[in-house]
């Protein structure tokens, strides 16, 4: 059974999708960009702050589903510039225990929604 997960503590979707879908014990979280959920304004100008906002948005969606970051089994990171990997990886890594961190891929892309520097999606399991 498919259950739509939404929270006001993460940005409202800016297109025809939901923040997350829970199906058969697996939570699929849509890609999050550095949007402040309260203002729907982009956090810009500091890559670490942008990454923190993305991770906090993801955490809020996990919490809305009754889950924690420890239940994430897969992350996908999309970067505008792979030269920013080290900065982003430092912030991203601070949210996980290295021994139990999820599987992940990180790819550089030509553009992202609203022309941001970073987007991250996740899959978590009950």
PDB file of N, CA and C in Angstrom:
ATOM      1  N   UNK A   1       0.829  -1.176   0.000  1.00  0.00           N
ATOM      2  CA  UNK A   1       0.000   0.000   0.000  1.00  0.00           C
ATOM      3  C   UNK A   1       0.881   1.250   0.000  1.00  0.00           C
ATOM      4  N   UNK A   2       0.536   2.215  -0.789  1.00  0.00           N
ATOM      5  CA  UNK A   2       1.288   3.455  -0.930  1.00  0.00           C
ATOM      6  C   UNK A   2       0.707   4.520  -0.006  1.00  0.00           C
ATOM      7  N   UNK A   3       1.600   5.162   0.795  1.00  0.00           N
ATOM      8  CA  UNK A   3       1.179   6.231   1.688  1.00  0.00           C
ATOM      9  C   UNK A   3       2.020   7.471   1.393  1.00  0.00           C
ATOM     10  N   UNK A   4       1.363   8.592   1.171  1.00  0.00           N
ATOM     11  CA  UNK A   4       2.056   9.845   0.904  1.00  0.00           C
ATOM     12  C   UNK A   4       2.481  10.464   2.231  1.00  0.00           C
ATOM     13  N   UNK A   5       3.733  10.889   2.313  1.00  0.00           N
ATOM     14  CA  UNK A   5       4.277  11.517   3.513  1.00  0.00           C
ATOM     15  C   UNK A   5       4.503  12.998   3.212  1.00  0.00           C
ATOM     16  N   UNK A   6       3.955  13.855   4.070  1.00  0.00           N
ATOM     17  CA  UNK A   6       4.169  15.297   3.926  1.00  0.00           C
ATOM     18  C   UNK A   6       4.412  15.909   5.299  1.00  0.00           C
ATOM     19  N   UNK A   7       5.134  17.006   5.302  1.00  0.00           N
ATOM     20  CA  UNK A   7       5.379  17.760   6.528  1.00  0.00           C
ATOM     21  C   UNK A   7       5.586  19.230   6.176  1.00  0.00           C
ATOM     22  N   UNK A   8       5.106  20.132   7.023  1.00  0.00           N
ATOM     23  CA  UNK A   8       5.384  21.548   6.810  1.00  0.00           C
ATOM     24  C   UNK A   8       6.820  21.908   7.198  1.00  0.00           C
ATOM     25  N   UNK A   9       7.545  20.961   7.787  1.00  0.00           N
ATOM     26  CA  UNK A   9       8.920  21.194   8.214  1.00  0.00           C
ATOM     27  C   UNK A   9       9.945  20.959   7.111  1.00  0.00           C
ATOM     28  N   UNK A  10       9.470  20.657   5.911  1.00  0.00           N
ATOM     29  CA  UNK A  10      10.310  20.541   4.726  1.00  0.00           C
ATOM     30  C   UNK A  10       9.604  21.316   3.617  1.00  0.00           C
ATOM     31  N   UNK A  11      10.338  21.735   2.592  1.00  0.00           N
ATOM     32  CA  UNK A  11       9.719  22.535   1.534  1.00  0.00           C
ATOM     33  C   UNK A  11       8.572  21.805   0.841  1.00  0.00           C
ATOM     34  N   UNK A  12       7.529  22.558   0.547  1.00  0.00           N
ATOM     35  CA  UNK A  12       6.427  22.009  -0.244  1.00  0.00           C
ATOM     36  C   UNK A  12       6.945  21.691  -1.641  1.00  0.00           C
ATOM     37  N   UNK A  13       6.429  20.663  -2.279  1.00  0.00           N
ATOM     38  CA  UNK A  13       6.855  20.331  -3.637  1.00  0.00           C
ATOM     39  C   UNK A  13       6.636  21.514  -4.589  1.00  0.00           C
ATOM     40  N   UNK A  14       7.566  21.669  -5.522  1.00  0.00           N
ATOM     41  CA  UNK A  14       7.460  22.734  -6.516  1.00  0.00           C
ATOM     42  C   UNK A  14       7.102  22.159  -7.892  1.00  0.00           C
ATOM     43  N   UNK A  15       6.480  21.010  -7.870  1.00  0.00           N
ATOM     44  CA  UNK A  15       6.070  20.346  -9.100  1.00  0.00           C
ATOM     45  C   UNK A  15       5.115  19.222  -8.777  1.00  0.00           C
ATOM     46  N   UNK A  16       4.808  18.383  -9.762  1.00  0.00           N
ATOM     47  CA  UNK A  16       3.849  17.291  -9.557  1.00  0.00           C
ATOM     48  C   UNK A  16       4.493  16.058  -8.909  1.00  0.00           C
ATOM     49  N   UNK A  17       4.858  16.200  -7.646  1.00  0.00           N
ATOM     50  CA  UNK A  17       5.435  15.093  -6.878  1.00  0.00           C
ATOM     51  C   UNK A  17       5.138  15.334  -5.406  1.00  0.00           C
ATOM     52  N   UNK A  18       5.436  14.358  -4.563  1.00  0.00           N
ATOM     53  CA  UNK A  18       5.261  14.472  -3.126  1.00  0.00           C
ATOM     54  C   UNK A  18       6.622  14.463  -2.440  1.00  0.00           C
ATOM     55  N   UNK A  19       6.643  14.935  -1.199  1.00  0.00           N
ATOM     56  CA  UNK A  19       7.898  14.935  -0.456  1.00  0.00           C
ATOM     57  C   UNK A  19       8.446  13.520  -0.322  1.00  0.00           C
ATOM     58  N   UNK A  20       7.558  12.571  -0.054  1.00  0.00           N
ATOM     59  CA  UNK A  20       7.987  11.180   0.080  1.00  0.00           C
ATOM     60  C   UNK A  20       6.801  10.246  -0.089  1.00  0.00           C
ATOM     61  N   UNK A  21       7.127   9.000  -0.414  1.00  0.00           N
ATOM     62  CA  UNK A  21       6.121   7.947  -0.532  1.00  0.00           C
ATOM     63  C   UNK A  21       6.633   6.749   0.261  1.00  0.00           C
ATOM     64  N   UNK A  22       5.768   6.228   1.137  1.00  0.00           N
ATOM     65  CA  UNK A  22       6.068   5.025   1.902  1.00  0.00           C
ATOM     66  C   UNK A  22       5.324   3.870   1.261  1.00  0.00           C
ATOM     67  N   UNK A  23       6.061   2.842   0.881  1.00  0.00           N
ATOM     68  CA  UNK A  23       5.456   1.683   0.228  1.00  0.00           C
ATOM     69  C   UNK A  23       6.147   0.417   0.708  1.00  0.00           C
ATOM     70  N   UNK A  24       5.360  -0.503   1.265  1.00  0.00           N
ATOM     71  CA  UNK A  24       5.894  -1.795   1.723  1.00  0.00           C
ATOM     72  C   UNK A  24       7.107  -1.640   2.634  1.00  0.00           C
ATOM     73  N   UNK A  25       7.047  -0.681   3.555  1.00  0.00           N
ATOM     74  CA  UNK A  25       8.117  -0.511   4.522  1.00  0.00           C
ATOM     75  C   UNK A  25       9.330   0.249   4.021  1.00  0.00           C
ATOM     76  N   UNK A  26       9.246   0.770   2.796  1.00  0.00           N
ATOM     77  CA  UNK A  26      10.360   1.524   2.225  1.00  0.00           C
ATOM     78  C   UNK A  26       9.892   2.955   1.966  1.00  0.00           C
ATOM     79  N   UNK A  27      10.687   3.917   2.431  1.00  0.00           N
ATOM     80  CA  UNK A  27      10.384   5.327   2.241  1.00  0.00           C
ATOM     81  C   UNK A  27      11.252   5.879   1.125  1.00  0.00           C
ATOM     82  N   UNK A  28      10.629   6.420   0.115  1.00  0.00           N
ATOM     83  CA  UNK A  28      11.315   7.032  -1.018  1.00  0.00           C
ATOM     84  C   UNK A  28      11.154   8.546  -0.884  1.00  0.00           C
ATOM     85  N   UNK A  29      12.253   9.248  -0.600  1.00  0.00           N
ATOM     86  CA  UNK A  29      12.203  10.693  -0.395  1.00  0.00           C
ATOM     87  C   UNK A  29      12.645  11.393  -1.671  1.00  0.00           C
ATOM     88  N   UNK A  30      11.802  12.300  -2.129  1.00  0.00           N
ATOM     89  CA  UNK A  30      12.131  13.092  -3.319  1.00  0.00           C
ATOM     90  C   UNK A  30      13.367  13.942  -3.066  1.00  0.00           C
ATOM     91  N   UNK A  31      14.052  14.272  -4.134  1.00  0.00           N
ATOM     92  CA  UNK A  31      15.240  15.110  -4.036  1.00  0.00           C
ATOM     93  C   UNK A  31      14.932  16.426  -3.342  1.00  0.00           C
ATOM     94  N   UNK A  32      15.793  16.772  -2.405  1.00  0.00           N
ATOM     95  CA  UNK A  32      15.646  18.023  -1.662  1.00  0.00           C
ATOM     96  C   UNK A  32      16.756  18.988  -2.048  1.00  0.00           C
ATOM     97  N   UNK A  33      16.374  20.237  -2.208  1.00  0.00           N
ATOM     98  CA  UNK A  33      17.325  21.302  -2.509  1.00  0.00           C
ATOM     99  C   UNK A  33      17.336  22.255  -1.312  1.00  0.00           C
ATOM    100  N   UNK A  34      18.254  23.221  -1.262  1.00  0.00           N
ATOM    101  CA  UNK A  34      18.353  24.085  -0.086  1.00  0.00           C
ATOM    102  C   UNK A  34      17.265  25.167  -0.008  1.00  0.00           C
ATOM    103  N   UNK A  35      16.026  24.724   0.080  1.00  0.00           N
ATOM    104  CA  UNK A  35      14.904  25.636   0.278  1.00  0.00           C
ATOM    105  C   UNK A  35      14.554  25.671   1.755  1.00  0.00           C
ATOM    106  N   UNK A  36      14.397  26.869   2.290  1.00  0.00           N
ATOM    107  CA  UNK A  36      13.921  27.034   3.662  1.00  0.00           C
ATOM    108  C   UNK A  36      12.421  26.767   3.648  1.00  0.00           C
ATOM    109  N   UNK A  37      11.932  25.783   4.402  1.00  0.00           N
ATOM    110  CA  UNK A  37      10.514  25.438   4.340  1.00  0.00           C
ATOM    111  C   UNK A  37       9.584  26.550   4.835  1.00  0.00           C
ATOM    112  N   UNK A  38      10.062  27.394   5.717  1.00  0.00           N
ATOM    113  CA  UNK A  38       9.213  28.460   6.253  1.00  0.00           C
ATOM    114  C   UNK A  38       8.970  29.560   5.224  1.00  0.00           C
ATOM    115  N   UNK A  39      10.024  29.930   4.511  1.00  0.00           N
ATOM    116  CA  UNK A  39       9.915  31.040   3.557  1.00  0.00           C
ATOM    117  C   UNK A  39       9.838  30.596   2.104  1.00  0.00           C
ATOM    118  N   UNK A  40      10.199  29.347   1.856  1.00  0.00           N
ATOM    119  CA  UNK A  40      10.330  28.807   0.492  1.00  0.00           C
ATOM    120  C   UNK A  40      11.355  29.604  -0.328  1.00  0.00           C
ATOM    121  N   UNK A  41      12.306  30.212   0.382  1.00  0.00           N
ATOM    122  CA  UNK A  41      13.422  30.917  -0.252  1.00  0.00           C
ATOM    123  C   UNK A  41      14.652  30.015  -0.221  1.00  0.00           C
ATOM    124  N   UNK A  42      15.498  30.157  -1.235  1.00  0.00           N
ATOM    125  CA  UNK A  42      16.725  29.381  -1.283  1.00  0.00           C
ATOM    126  C   UNK A  42      17.736  29.881  -0.254  1.00  0.00           C
ATOM    127  N   UNK A  43      18.435  28.951   0.358  1.00  0.00           N
ATOM    128  CA  UNK A  43      19.605  29.267   1.164  1.00  0.00           C
ATOM    129  C   UNK A  43      20.757  29.292   0.168  1.00  0.00           C
ATOM    130  N   UNK A  44      21.409  30.411   0.034  1.00  0.00           N
ATOM    131  CA  UNK A  44      22.448  30.557  -0.989  1.00  0.00           C
ATOM    132  C   UNK A  44      23.698  31.225  -0.429  1.00  0.00           C
ATOM    133  N   UNK A  45      24.791  31.066  -1.158  1.00  0.00           N
ATOM    134  CA  UNK A  45      26.000  31.802  -0.868  1.00  0.00           C
ATOM    135  C   UNK A  45      27.022  31.093  -0.006  1.00  0.00           C
ATOM    136  N   UNK A  46      26.633  30.020   0.665  1.00  0.00           N
ATOM    137  CA  UNK A  46      27.549  29.267   1.510  1.00  0.00           C
ATOM    138  C   UNK A  46      27.213  27.793   1.328  1.00  0.00           C
ATOM    139  N   UNK A  47      28.103  27.069   0.682  1.00  0.00           N
ATOM    140  CA  UNK A  47      27.843  25.674   0.330  1.00  0.00           C
ATOM    141  C   UNK A  47      27.561  24.798   1.548  1.00  0.00           C
ATOM    142  N   UNK A  48      28.233  25.058   2.649  1.00  0.00           N
ATOM    143  CA  UNK A  48      27.980  24.259   3.844  1.00  0.00           C
ATOM    144  C   UNK A  48      26.576  24.530   4.382  1.00  0.00           C
ATOM    145  N   UNK A  49      26.150  25.785   4.410  1.00  0.00           N
ATOM    146  CA  UNK A  49      24.793  26.108   4.865  1.00  0.00           C
ATOM    147  C   UNK A  49      23.744  25.513   3.928  1.00  0.00           C
ATOM    148  N   UNK A  50      24.030  25.521   2.642  1.00  0.00           N
ATOM    149  CA  UNK A  50      23.114  24.929   1.661  1.00  0.00           C
ATOM    150  C   UNK A  50      22.954  23.430   1.945  1.00  0.00           C
ATOM    151  N   UNK A  51      24.066  22.764   2.191  1.00  0.00           N
ATOM    152  CA  UNK A  51      24.041  21.325   2.442  1.00  0.00           C
ATOM    153  C   UNK A  51      23.318  21.011   3.748  1.00  0.00           C
ATOM    154  N   UNK A  52      23.553  21.809   4.780  1.00  0.00           N
ATOM    155  CA  UNK A  52      22.841  21.624   6.049  1.00  0.00           C
ATOM    156  C   UNK A  52      21.337  21.753   5.816  1.00  0.00           C
ATOM    157  N   UNK A  53      20.905  22.746   5.027  1.00  0.00           N
ATOM    158  CA  UNK A  53      19.471  22.923   4.781  1.00  0.00           C
ATOM    159  C   UNK A  53      18.888  21.701   4.074  1.00  0.00           C
ATOM    160  N   UNK A  54      19.608  21.173   3.094  1.00  0.00           N
ATOM    161  CA  UNK A  54      19.146  19.972   2.388  1.00  0.00           C
ATOM    162  C   UNK A  54      19.008  18.811   3.372  1.00  0.00           C
ATOM    163  N   UNK A  55      20.020  18.604   4.202  1.00  0.00           N
ATOM    164  CA  UNK A  55      19.987  17.493   5.146  1.00  0.00           C
ATOM    165  C   UNK A  55      18.886  17.682   6.190  1.00  0.00           C
ATOM    166  N   UNK A  56      18.657  18.891   6.638  1.00  0.00           N
ATOM    167  CA  UNK A  56      17.586  19.148   7.601  1.00  0.00           C
ATOM    168  C   UNK A  56      16.219  18.915   6.965  1.00  0.00           C
ATOM    169  N   UNK A  57      16.076  19.262   5.698  1.00  0.00           N
ATOM    170  CA  UNK A  57      14.824  18.975   4.990  1.00  0.00           C
ATOM    171  C   UNK A  57      14.581  17.472   4.928  1.00  0.00           C
ATOM    172  N   UNK A  58      15.619  16.727   4.623  1.00  0.00           N
ATOM    173  CA  UNK A  58      15.501  15.269   4.555  1.00  0.00           C
ATOM    174  C   UNK A  58      15.161  14.688   5.922  1.00  0.00           C
ATOM    175  N   UNK A  59      15.827  15.172   6.966  1.00  0.00           N
ATOM    176  CA  UNK A  59      15.538  14.707   8.327  1.00  0.00           C
ATOM    177  C   UNK A  59      14.087  14.969   8.710  1.00  0.00           C
ATOM    178  N   UNK A  60      13.574  16.136   8.330  1.00  0.00           N
ATOM    179  CA  UNK A  60      12.183  16.476   8.656  1.00  0.00           C
ATOM    180  C   UNK A  60      11.210  15.509   7.993  1.00  0.00           C
ATOM    181  N   UNK A  61      11.502  15.119   6.776  1.00  0.00           N
ATOM    182  CA  UNK A  61      10.631  14.171   6.064  1.00  0.00           C
ATOM    183  C   UNK A  61      10.730  12.787   6.705  1.00  0.00           C
ATOM    184  N   UNK A  62      11.939  12.380   7.053  1.00  0.00           N
ATOM    185  CA  UNK A  62      12.107  11.106   7.756  1.00  0.00           C
ATOM    186  C   UNK A  62      11.301  11.105   9.052  1.00  0.00           C
ATOM    187  N   UNK A  63      11.392  12.181   9.814  1.00  0.00           N
ATOM    188  CA  UNK A  63      10.665  12.274  11.076  1.00  0.00           C
ATOM    189  C   UNK A  63       9.158  12.236  10.859  1.00  0.00           C
ATOM    190  N   UNK A  64       8.681  12.858   9.785  1.00  0.00           N
ATOM    191  CA  UNK A  64       7.248  12.830   9.475  1.00  0.00           C
ATOM    192  C   UNK A  64       6.772  11.407   9.208  1.00  0.00           C
ATOM    193  N   UNK A  65       7.681  10.563   8.743  1.00  0.00           N
ATOM    194  CA  UNK A  65       7.358   9.162   8.482  1.00  0.00           C
ATOM    195  C   UNK A  65       7.632   8.283   9.698  1.00  0.00           C
ATOM    196  N   UNK A  66       8.041   8.896  10.814  1.00  0.00           N
ATOM    197  CA  UNK A  66       8.352   8.128  12.021  1.00  0.00           C
ATOM    198  C   UNK A  66       9.688   7.417  11.941  1.00  0.00           C
ATOM    199  N   UNK A  67      10.604   7.969  11.160  1.00  0.00           N
ATOM    200  CA  UNK A  67      11.902   7.338  10.948  1.00  0.00           C
ATOM    201  C   UNK A  67      13.029   8.278  11.355  1.00  0.00           C
ATOM    202  N   UNK A  68      14.251   7.738  11.362  1.00  0.00           N
ATOM    203  CA  UNK A  68      15.436   8.545  11.661  1.00  0.00           C
ATOM    204  C   UNK A  68      16.444   8.388  10.521  1.00  0.00           C
ATOM    205  N   UNK A  69      17.454   9.228  10.576  1.00  0.00           N
ATOM    206  CA  UNK A  69      18.515   9.183   9.570  1.00  0.00           C
ATOM    207  C   UNK A  69      19.236   7.828   9.569  1.00  0.00           C
ATOM    208  N   UNK A  70      19.210   7.126  10.716  1.00  0.00           N
ATOM    209  CA  UNK A  70      19.867   5.821  10.812  1.00  0.00           C
ATOM    210  C   UNK A  70      19.179   4.756   9.957  1.00  0.00           C
ATOM    211  N   UNK A  71      17.954   5.019   9.523  1.00  0.00           N
ATOM    212  CA  UNK A  71      17.219   4.052   8.707  1.00  0.00           C
ATOM    213  C   UNK A  71      17.428   4.253   7.202  1.00  0.00           C
ATOM    214  N   UNK A  72      18.215   5.256   6.844  1.00  0.00           N
ATOM    215  CA  UNK A  72      18.499   5.501   5.423  1.00  0.00           C
ATOM    216  C   UNK A  72      19.410   4.399   4.904  1.00  0.00           C
ATOM    217  N   UNK A  73      18.996   3.790   3.788  1.00  0.00           N
ATOM    218  CA  UNK A  73      19.796   2.721   3.191  1.00  0.00           C
ATOM    219  C   UNK A  73      20.486   3.164   1.901  1.00  0.00           C
ATOM    220  N   UNK A  74      20.028   4.271   1.315  1.00  0.00           N
ATOM    221  CA  UNK A  74      20.598   4.723   0.038  1.00  0.00           C
ATOM    222  C   UNK A  74      20.402   6.219  -0.106  1.00  0.00           C
ATOM    223  N   UNK A  75      21.441   6.914  -0.517  1.00  0.00           N
ATOM    224  CA  UNK A  75      21.380   8.343  -0.825  1.00  0.00           C
ATOM    225  C   UNK A  75      21.892   8.565  -2.238  1.00  0.00           C
ATOM    226  N   UNK A  76      21.324   9.554  -2.877  1.00  0.00           N
ATOM    227  CA  UNK A  76      21.815   9.997  -4.186  1.00  0.00           C
ATOM    228  C   UNK A  76      22.093  11.484  -4.073  1.00  0.00           C
ATOM    229  N   UNK A  77      23.337  11.867  -4.357  1.00  0.00           N
ATOM    230  CA  UNK A  77      23.737  13.270  -4.277  1.00  0.00           C
ATOM    231  C   UNK A  77      24.031  13.762  -5.688  1.00  0.00           C
ATOM    232  N   UNK A  78      23.427  14.877  -6.018  1.00  0.00           N
ATOM    233  CA  UNK A  78      23.622  15.506  -7.319  1.00  0.00           C
ATOM    234  C   UNK A  78      24.281  16.863  -7.096  1.00  0.00           C
ATOM    235  N   UNK A  79      25.431  17.071  -7.718  1.00  0.00           N
ATOM    236  CA  UNK A  79      26.197  18.301  -7.549  1.00  0.00           C
ATOM    237  C   UNK A  79      26.308  19.058  -8.854  1.00  0.00           C
ATOM    238  N   UNK A  80      26.263  20.358  -8.761  1.00  0.00           N
ATOM    239  CA  UNK A  80      26.481  21.209  -9.930  1.00  0.00           C
ATOM    240  C   UNK A  80      27.958  21.215 -10.309  1.00  0.00           C
ATOM    241  N   UNK A  81      28.838  21.050  -9.295  1.00  0.00           N
ATOM    242  CA  UNK A  81      30.280  21.102  -9.521  1.00  0.00           C
ATOM    243  C   UNK A  81      30.970  20.105  -8.603  1.00  0.00           C
ATOM    244  N   UNK A  82      31.577  19.074  -9.166  1.00  0.00           N
ATOM    245  CA  UNK A  82      32.238  18.035  -8.383  1.00  0.00           C
ATOM    246  C   UNK A  82      33.407  18.593  -7.568  1.00  0.00           C
ATOM    247  N   UNK A  83      33.904  19.768  -7.915  1.00  0.00           N
ATOM    248  CA  UNK A  83      34.953  20.392  -7.113  1.00  0.00           C
ATOM    249  C   UNK A  83      34.456  20.750  -5.707  1.00  0.00           C
ATOM    250  N   UNK A  84      33.154  20.767  -5.519  1.00  0.00           N
ATOM    251  CA  UNK A  84      32.565  21.058  -4.211  1.00  0.00           C
ATOM    252  C   UNK A  84      32.356  19.801  -3.367  1.00  0.00           C
ATOM    253  N   UNK A  85      32.767  18.655  -3.867  1.00  0.00           N
ATOM    254  CA  UNK A  85      32.514  17.385  -3.198  1.00  0.00           C
ATOM    255  C   UNK A  85      33.017  17.362  -1.753  1.00  0.00           C
ATOM    256  N   UNK A  86      34.235  17.794  -1.509  1.00  0.00           N
ATOM    257  CA  UNK A  86      34.816  17.698  -0.164  1.00  0.00           C
ATOM    258  C   UNK A  86      33.999  18.487   0.854  1.00  0.00           C
ATOM    259  N   UNK A  87      33.590  19.703   0.509  1.00  0.00           N
ATOM    260  CA  UNK A  87      32.788  20.527   1.420  1.00  0.00           C
ATOM    261  C   UNK A  87      31.449  19.865   1.726  1.00  0.00           C
ATOM    262  N   UNK A  88      30.803  19.394   0.686  1.00  0.00           N
ATOM    263  CA  UNK A  88      29.496  18.767   0.843  1.00  0.00           C
ATOM    264  C   UNK A  88      29.621  17.457   1.611  1.00  0.00           C
ATOM    265  N   UNK A  89      30.628  16.675   1.293  1.00  0.00           N
ATOM    266  CA  UNK A  89      30.829  15.382   1.940  1.00  0.00           C
ATOM    267  C   UNK A  89      31.069  15.549   3.442  1.00  0.00           C
ATOM    268  N   UNK A  90      31.767  16.611   3.831  1.00  0.00           N
ATOM    269  CA  UNK A  90      32.022  16.882   5.249  1.00  0.00           C
ATOM    270  C   UNK A  90      30.702  17.085   6.002  1.00  0.00           C
ATOM    271  N   UNK A  91      29.819  17.898   5.452  1.00  0.00           N
ATOM    272  CA  UNK A  91      28.522  18.150   6.103  1.00  0.00           C
ATOM    273  C   UNK A  91      27.671  16.884   6.060  1.00  0.00           C
ATOM    274  N   UNK A  92      27.549  16.280   4.892  1.00  0.00           N
ATOM    275  CA  UNK A  92      26.748  15.052   4.733  1.00  0.00           C
ATOM    276  C   UNK A  92      27.216  13.994   5.732  1.00  0.00           C
ATOM    277  N   UNK A  93      28.524  13.781   5.818  1.00  0.00           N
ATOM    278  CA  UNK A  93      29.081  12.763   6.694  1.00  0.00           C
ATOM    279  C   UNK A  93      28.801  13.008   8.161  1.00  0.00           C
ATOM    280  N   UNK A  94      28.616  14.256   8.548  1.00  0.00           N
ATOM    281  CA  UNK A  94      28.360  14.571   9.951  1.00  0.00           C
ATOM    282  C   UNK A  94      26.988  14.080  10.417  1.00  0.00           C
ATOM    283  N   UNK A  95      26.120  13.724   9.494  1.00  0.00           N
ATOM    284  CA  UNK A  95      24.780  13.235   9.833  1.00  0.00           C
ATOM    285  C   UNK A  95      24.734  11.720  10.027  1.00  0.00           C
ATOM    286  N   UNK A  96      25.811  11.018   9.686  1.00  0.00           N
ATOM    287  CA  UNK A  96      25.814   9.559   9.725  1.00  0.00           C
ATOM    288  C   UNK A  96      26.947   9.016  10.568  1.00  0.00           C
ATOM    289  N   UNK A  97      26.733   7.809  11.098  1.00  0.00           N
ATOM    290  CA  UNK A  97      27.796   7.024  11.707  1.00  0.00           C
ATOM    291  C   UNK A  97      28.510   6.349  10.535  1.00  0.00           C
ATOM    292  N   UNK A  98      29.792   6.575  10.418  1.00  0.00           N
ATOM    293  CA  UNK A  98      30.527   6.050   9.265  1.00  0.00           C
ATOM    294  C   UNK A  98      30.416   4.533   9.113  1.00  0.00           C
ATOM    295  N   UNK A  99      30.336   3.806  10.233  1.00  0.00           N
ATOM    296  CA  UNK A  99      30.255   2.346  10.186  1.00  0.00           C
ATOM    297  C   UNK A  99      28.922   1.839   9.638  1.00  0.00           C
ATOM    298  N   UNK A 100      27.876   2.646   9.763  1.00  0.00           N
ATOM    299  CA  UNK A 100      26.546   2.207   9.322  1.00  0.00           C
ATOM    300  C   UNK A 100      25.944   3.149   8.276  1.00  0.00           C
ATOM    301  N   UNK A 101      26.771   3.970   7.662  1.00  0.00           N
ATOM    302  CA  UNK A 101      26.297   4.922   6.651  1.00  0.00           C
ATOM    303  C   UNK A 101      25.646   4.182   5.481  1.00  0.00           C
ATOM    304  N   UNK A 102      24.703   4.841   4.812  1.00  0.00           N
ATOM    305  CA  UNK A 102      24.007   4.187   3.702  1.00  0.00           C
ATOM    306  C   UNK A 102      24.880   4.066   2.450  1.00  0.00           C
ATOM    307  N   UNK A 103      24.402   3.256   1.521  1.00  0.00           N
ATOM    308  CA  UNK A 103      25.016   3.226   0.193  1.00  0.00           C
ATOM    309  C   UNK A 103      24.775   4.592  -0.440  1.00  0.00           C
ATOM    310  N   UNK A 104      25.605   4.962  -1.419  1.00  0.00           N
ATOM    311  CA  UNK A 104      25.469   6.304  -1.980  1.00  0.00           C
ATOM    312  C   UNK A 104      26.143   6.385  -3.337  1.00  0.00           C
ATOM    313  N   UNK A 105      25.581   7.263  -4.177  1.00  0.00           N
ATOM    314  CA  UNK A 105      26.317   7.691  -5.359  1.00  0.00           C
ATOM    315  C   UNK A 105      26.299   9.205  -5.363  1.00  0.00           C
ATOM    316  N   UNK A 106      27.336   9.785  -5.946  1.00  0.00           N
ATOM    317  CA  UNK A 106      27.440  11.235  -6.080  1.00  0.00           C
ATOM    318  C   UNK A 106      27.795  11.518  -7.526  1.00  0.00           C
ATOM    319  N   UNK A 107      26.978  12.336  -8.173  1.00  0.00           N
ATOM    320  CA  UNK A 107      27.217  12.631  -9.579  1.00  0.00           C
ATOM    321  C   UNK A 107      27.155  14.129  -9.828  1.00  0.00           C
ATOM    322  N   UNK A 108      27.958  14.578 -10.764  1.00  0.00           N
ATOM    323  CA  UNK A 108      27.894  15.968 -11.216  1.00  0.00           C
ATOM    324  C   UNK A 108      26.882  16.048 -12.353  1.00  0.00           C
ATOM    325  N   UNK A 109      26.064  17.082 -12.303  1.00  0.00           N
ATOM    326  CA  UNK A 109      25.036  17.270 -13.326  1.00  0.00           C
ATOM    327  C   UNK A 109      25.139  18.680 -13.911  1.00  0.00           C
ATOM    328  N   UNK A 110      24.575  18.868 -15.094  1.00  0.00           N
ATOM    329  CA  UNK A 110      24.659  20.168 -15.765  1.00  0.00           C
ATOM    330  C   UNK A 110      23.864  21.237 -15.013  1.00  0.00           C
ATOM    331  N   UNK A 111      22.670  20.889 -14.548  1.00  0.00           N
ATOM    332  CA  UNK A 111      21.828  21.834 -13.817  1.00  0.00           C
ATOM    333  C   UNK A 111      20.907  21.088 -12.879  1.00  0.00           C
ATOM    334  N   UNK A 112      20.411  21.828 -11.902  1.00  0.00           N
ATOM    335  CA  UNK A 112      19.468  21.295 -10.918  1.00  0.00           C
ATOM    336  C   UNK A 112      18.298  22.267 -10.812  1.00  0.00           C
ATOM    337  N   UNK A 113      17.191  21.834 -10.186  1.00  0.00           N
ATOM    338  CA  UNK A 113      16.056  22.748 -10.029  1.00  0.00           C
ATOM    339  C   UNK A 113      16.491  24.072  -9.380  1.00  0.00           C
ATOM    340  N   UNK A 114      15.964  25.152  -9.895  1.00  0.00           N
ATOM    341  CA  UNK A 114      16.273  26.504  -9.402  1.00  0.00           C
ATOM    342  C   UNK A 114      17.762  26.822  -9.499  1.00  0.00           C
ATOM    343  N   UNK A 115      18.498  26.024 -10.279  1.00  0.00           N
ATOM    344  CA  UNK A 115      19.928  26.217 -10.523  1.00  0.00           C
ATOM    345  C   UNK A 115      20.759  26.183  -9.236  1.00  0.00           C
ATOM    346  N   UNK A 116      20.340  25.332  -8.284  1.00  0.00           N
ATOM    347  CA  UNK A 116      21.060  25.199  -7.017  1.00  0.00           C
ATOM    348  C   UNK A 116      22.342  24.402  -7.209  1.00  0.00           C
ATOM    349  N   UNK A 117      23.158  24.358  -6.162  1.00  0.00           N
ATOM    350  CA  UNK A 117      24.428  23.638  -6.205  1.00  0.00           C
ATOM    351  C   UNK A 117      24.317  22.172  -5.823  1.00  0.00           C
ATOM    352  N   UNK A 118      23.251  21.818  -5.102  1.00  0.00           N
ATOM    353  CA  UNK A 118      23.148  20.464  -4.557  1.00  0.00           C
ATOM    354  C   UNK A 118      21.691  20.021  -4.450  1.00  0.00           C
ATOM    355  N   UNK A 119      21.479  18.731  -4.684  1.00  0.00           N
ATOM    356  CA  UNK A 119      20.193  18.078  -4.442  1.00  0.00           C
ATOM    357  C   UNK A 119      20.508  16.679  -3.922  1.00  0.00           C
ATOM    358  N   UNK A 120      19.751  16.247  -2.901  1.00  0.00           N
ATOM    359  CA  UNK A 120      19.952  14.907  -2.345  1.00  0.00           C
ATOM    360  C   UNK A 120      18.586  14.228  -2.210  1.00  0.00           C
ATOM    361  N   UNK A 121      18.523  12.963  -2.634  1.00  0.00           N
ATOM    362  CA  UNK A 121      17.337  12.130  -2.381  1.00  0.00           C
ATOM    363  C   UNK A 121      17.786  10.950  -1.532  1.00  0.00           C
ATOM    364  N   UNK A 122      16.819  10.312  -0.855  1.00  0.00           N
ATOM    365  CA  UNK A 122      17.144   9.185   0.006  1.00  0.00           C
ATOM    366  C   UNK A 122      16.086   8.104  -0.068  1.00  0.00           C
ATOM    367  N   UNK A 123      16.503   6.910   0.291  1.00  0.00           N
ATOM    368  CA  UNK A 123      15.607   5.772   0.479  1.00  0.00           C
ATOM    369  C   UNK A 123      15.883   5.251   1.874  1.00  0.00           C
ATOM    370  N   UNK A 124      14.824   5.039   2.647  1.00  0.00           N
ATOM    371  CA  UNK A 124      14.959   4.526   4.017  1.00  0.00           C
ATOM    372  C   UNK A 124      14.046   3.320   4.180  1.00  0.00           C
ATOM    373  N   UNK A 125      14.376   2.500   5.162  1.00  0.00           N
ATOM    374  CA  UNK A 125      13.612   1.279   5.392  1.00  0.00           C
ATOM    375  C   UNK A 125      13.172   1.201   6.844  1.00  0.00           C
ATOM    376  N   UNK A 126      11.946   0.738   7.037  1.00  0.00           N
ATOM    377  CA  UNK A 126      11.403   0.596   8.397  1.00  0.00           C
ATOM    378  C   UNK A 126      12.211  -0.431   9.154  1.00  0.00           C
TER     379      UNK A 126
END
